[in-house]
């Protein structure tokens, strides 16, 4: 099962919206979601502090930054 990293933080309403889109797409693709709170990861905080929510997948180059929709997730995720 491939891994999708979802960069988020507590109290982020956009992150809640993004996860609601990501979860069903990941399930259909057989992907596991790892939620990473950027406040617990200094490198992630430095990279994404003003960009969350962000989706990253090792099988793809780059990341998918908000705003995105279901169609964007299907195009990005393997």
N, C-alpha and C. Protein backbone atom coordinates (compact mmCIF):
# COMPACT_ATOMS: atom_id res chain seq x y z
N UNK A 1 0.85 -1.18 0.00
CA UNK A 1 0.00 0.00 0.00
C UNK A 1 0.89 1.24 0.00
N UNK A 2 0.70 2.11 -0.96
CA UNK A 2 1.48 3.34 -1.06
C UNK A 2 1.06 4.34 0.01
N UNK A 3 1.97 5.24 0.31
CA UNK A 3 1.75 6.22 1.36
C UNK A 3 1.56 7.61 0.77
N UNK A 4 0.58 8.32 1.29
CA UNK A 4 0.34 9.73 0.95
C UNK A 4 0.54 10.52 2.23
N UNK A 5 1.38 11.54 2.17
CA UNK A 5 1.58 12.40 3.34
C UNK A 5 0.68 13.63 3.20
N UNK A 6 -0.05 13.90 4.28
CA UNK A 6 -0.96 15.04 4.31
C UNK A 6 -0.45 16.00 5.38
N UNK A 7 0.05 17.15 4.96
CA UNK A 7 0.60 18.14 5.88
C UNK A 7 -0.52 19.06 6.34
N UNK A 8 -0.64 19.19 7.66
CA UNK A 8 -1.77 19.87 8.27
C UNK A 8 -1.33 20.49 9.59
N UNK A 9 -2.26 21.07 10.31
CA UNK A 9 -2.05 21.48 11.70
C UNK A 9 -3.41 21.61 12.35
N UNK A 10 -3.43 21.60 13.66
CA UNK A 10 -4.71 21.67 14.37
C UNK A 10 -5.36 23.03 14.17
N UNK A 11 -6.67 23.02 14.09
CA UNK A 11 -7.43 24.26 13.93
C UNK A 11 -7.46 24.80 12.52
N UNK A 12 -6.99 24.05 11.56
CA UNK A 12 -6.95 24.50 10.16
C UNK A 12 -8.21 24.02 9.46
N UNK A 13 -9.16 24.92 9.25
CA UNK A 13 -10.43 24.52 8.62
C UNK A 13 -10.23 24.13 7.15
N UNK A 14 -9.27 24.72 6.48
CA UNK A 14 -8.98 24.33 5.10
C UNK A 14 -8.43 22.90 5.06
N UNK A 15 -7.65 22.55 6.07
CA UNK A 15 -7.11 21.19 6.16
C UNK A 15 -8.24 20.18 6.34
N UNK A 16 -9.23 20.54 7.14
CA UNK A 16 -10.39 19.66 7.33
C UNK A 16 -11.11 19.44 6.00
N UNK A 17 -11.29 20.50 5.24
CA UNK A 17 -11.94 20.39 3.93
C UNK A 17 -11.11 19.53 2.98
N UNK A 18 -9.81 19.75 2.99
CA UNK A 18 -8.93 19.00 2.10
C UNK A 18 -8.91 17.51 2.44
N UNK A 19 -8.87 17.20 3.73
CA UNK A 19 -8.85 15.80 4.14
C UNK A 19 -10.16 15.10 3.77
N UNK A 20 -11.26 15.83 3.84
CA UNK A 20 -12.55 15.26 3.43
C UNK A 20 -12.56 14.91 1.94
N UNK A 21 -11.81 15.64 1.13
CA UNK A 21 -11.67 15.31 -0.29
C UNK A 21 -10.67 14.18 -0.50
N UNK A 22 -9.57 14.23 0.24
CA UNK A 22 -8.49 13.26 0.06
C UNK A 22 -8.86 11.86 0.50
N UNK A 23 -9.53 11.73 1.62
CA UNK A 23 -9.79 10.41 2.20
C UNK A 23 -10.49 9.45 1.23
N UNK A 24 -11.61 9.82 0.61
CA UNK A 24 -12.26 8.86 -0.29
C UNK A 24 -11.43 8.53 -1.54
N UNK A 25 -10.67 9.49 -2.04
CA UNK A 25 -9.83 9.24 -3.21
C UNK A 25 -8.71 8.25 -2.84
N UNK A 26 -8.09 8.48 -1.70
CA UNK A 26 -7.02 7.59 -1.24
C UNK A 26 -7.55 6.18 -1.03
N UNK A 27 -8.73 6.06 -0.45
CA UNK A 27 -9.32 4.73 -0.23
C UNK A 27 -9.55 4.01 -1.56
N UNK A 28 -10.10 4.72 -2.53
CA UNK A 28 -10.37 4.11 -3.85
C UNK A 28 -9.08 3.67 -4.54
N UNK A 29 -8.00 4.41 -4.30
CA UNK A 29 -6.72 4.08 -4.92
C UNK A 29 -5.90 3.10 -4.08
N UNK A 30 -6.39 2.73 -2.90
CA UNK A 30 -5.66 1.81 -2.03
C UNK A 30 -4.43 2.44 -1.40
N UNK A 31 -4.52 3.73 -1.09
CA UNK A 31 -3.41 4.47 -0.51
C UNK A 31 -3.65 4.71 0.98
N UNK A 32 -2.57 4.71 1.74
CA UNK A 32 -2.64 5.01 3.17
C UNK A 32 -2.25 6.47 3.38
N UNK A 33 -3.00 7.18 4.22
CA UNK A 33 -2.73 8.59 4.50
C UNK A 33 -1.98 8.71 5.82
N UNK A 34 -0.86 9.42 5.79
CA UNK A 34 -0.14 9.77 7.01
C UNK A 34 -0.33 11.27 7.23
N UNK A 35 -1.02 11.63 8.31
CA UNK A 35 -1.23 13.04 8.63
C UNK A 35 -0.03 13.54 9.43
N UNK A 36 0.57 14.61 8.95
CA UNK A 36 1.75 15.18 9.59
C UNK A 36 1.42 16.59 10.04
N UNK A 37 1.44 16.80 11.35
CA UNK A 37 1.22 18.14 11.90
C UNK A 37 2.53 18.92 11.75
N UNK A 38 2.50 19.98 10.98
CA UNK A 38 3.74 20.72 10.71
C UNK A 38 4.35 21.31 11.97
N UNK A 39 3.55 21.49 13.02
CA UNK A 39 4.08 22.04 14.27
C UNK A 39 4.96 21.02 15.00
N UNK A 40 4.85 19.74 14.63
CA UNK A 40 5.65 18.68 15.24
C UNK A 40 6.85 18.31 14.38
N UNK A 41 7.02 18.94 13.24
CA UNK A 41 8.08 18.59 12.29
C UNK A 41 8.71 19.89 11.78
N UNK A 42 9.86 20.29 12.34
CA UNK A 42 10.48 21.56 11.95
C UNK A 42 10.73 21.71 10.45
N UNK A 43 11.12 20.64 9.78
CA UNK A 43 11.36 20.73 8.33
C UNK A 43 10.06 20.97 7.58
N UNK A 44 9.00 20.30 8.00
CA UNK A 44 7.69 20.50 7.36
C UNK A 44 7.17 21.90 7.65
N UNK A 45 7.38 22.38 8.86
CA UNK A 45 6.94 23.73 9.20
C UNK A 45 7.66 24.76 8.33
N UNK A 46 8.96 24.58 8.16
CA UNK A 46 9.73 25.51 7.33
C UNK A 46 9.26 25.48 5.88
N UNK A 47 8.92 24.30 5.39
CA UNK A 47 8.53 24.16 3.99
C UNK A 47 7.09 24.59 3.72
N UNK A 48 6.18 24.33 4.67
CA UNK A 48 4.75 24.46 4.37
C UNK A 48 3.97 25.36 5.33
N UNK A 49 4.62 26.13 6.16
CA UNK A 49 3.92 26.92 7.18
C UNK A 49 2.81 27.79 6.60
N UNK A 50 3.03 28.35 5.44
CA UNK A 50 2.01 29.22 4.84
C UNK A 50 1.30 28.56 3.66
N UNK A 51 1.50 27.25 3.51
CA UNK A 51 0.96 26.57 2.33
C UNK A 51 -0.03 25.46 2.64
N UNK A 52 -0.19 25.09 3.92
CA UNK A 52 -1.05 23.94 4.23
C UNK A 52 -2.49 24.25 3.89
N UNK A 53 -3.23 23.24 3.52
CA UNK A 53 -2.90 21.82 3.44
C UNK A 53 -2.11 21.47 2.18
N UNK A 54 -1.25 20.46 2.34
CA UNK A 54 -0.40 20.00 1.24
C UNK A 54 -0.45 18.47 1.21
N UNK A 55 -0.52 17.91 0.01
CA UNK A 55 -0.49 16.46 -0.19
C UNK A 55 0.81 16.12 -0.91
N UNK A 56 1.50 15.09 -0.42
CA UNK A 56 2.74 14.65 -1.05
C UNK A 56 2.72 13.13 -1.18
N UNK A 57 3.26 12.65 -2.29
CA UNK A 57 3.30 11.21 -2.55
C UNK A 57 4.66 10.90 -3.18
N UNK A 58 5.36 9.90 -2.63
CA UNK A 58 6.67 9.54 -3.16
C UNK A 58 6.63 9.11 -4.61
N UNK A 59 5.49 8.60 -5.04
CA UNK A 59 5.36 8.12 -6.42
C UNK A 59 5.23 9.26 -7.44
N UNK A 60 5.12 10.48 -6.96
CA UNK A 60 4.96 11.64 -7.84
C UNK A 60 6.00 12.71 -7.51
N UNK A 61 6.35 13.50 -8.51
CA UNK A 61 7.23 14.64 -8.27
C UNK A 61 6.41 15.79 -7.73
N UNK A 62 7.01 16.59 -6.88
CA UNK A 62 6.34 17.76 -6.35
C UNK A 62 5.24 17.41 -5.37
N UNK A 63 4.49 18.42 -4.99
CA UNK A 63 3.39 18.27 -4.05
C UNK A 63 2.14 18.90 -4.64
N UNK A 64 1.02 18.57 -4.04
CA UNK A 64 -0.25 19.17 -4.43
C UNK A 64 -0.65 20.15 -3.33
N UNK A 65 -0.71 21.42 -3.68
CA UNK A 65 -1.01 22.48 -2.70
C UNK A 65 -2.47 22.91 -2.82
N UNK A 66 -3.03 23.33 -1.71
CA UNK A 66 -4.38 23.87 -1.67
C UNK A 66 -4.41 25.18 -2.43
N UNK A 67 -5.44 25.48 -3.18
CA UNK A 67 -6.69 24.74 -3.30
C UNK A 67 -6.60 23.64 -4.35
N UNK A 68 -7.21 22.50 -4.04
CA UNK A 68 -7.34 21.42 -5.01
C UNK A 68 -8.73 20.81 -4.87
N UNK A 69 -9.11 20.06 -5.89
CA UNK A 69 -10.42 19.40 -5.87
C UNK A 69 -10.22 17.91 -6.10
N UNK A 70 -11.32 17.18 -6.14
CA UNK A 70 -11.26 15.74 -6.31
C UNK A 70 -10.56 15.36 -7.61
N UNK A 71 -10.86 16.07 -8.69
CA UNK A 71 -10.23 15.77 -9.98
C UNK A 71 -8.71 15.96 -9.90
N UNK A 72 -8.26 17.00 -9.22
CA UNK A 72 -6.82 17.23 -9.05
C UNK A 72 -6.17 16.09 -8.27
N UNK A 73 -6.86 15.61 -7.24
CA UNK A 73 -6.34 14.50 -6.46
C UNK A 73 -6.21 13.24 -7.31
N UNK A 74 -7.22 12.96 -8.13
CA UNK A 74 -7.15 11.78 -9.00
C UNK A 74 -6.00 11.90 -10.00
N UNK A 75 -5.74 13.10 -10.50
CA UNK A 75 -4.63 13.29 -11.44
C UNK A 75 -3.28 13.14 -10.73
N UNK A 76 -3.18 13.63 -9.51
CA UNK A 76 -1.90 13.63 -8.80
C UNK A 76 -1.55 12.27 -8.19
N UNK A 77 -2.52 11.61 -7.59
CA UNK A 77 -2.23 10.37 -6.86
C UNK A 77 -2.10 9.19 -7.81
N UNK A 78 -1.20 8.25 -7.46
CA UNK A 78 -1.01 7.08 -8.33
C UNK A 78 -2.20 6.13 -8.27
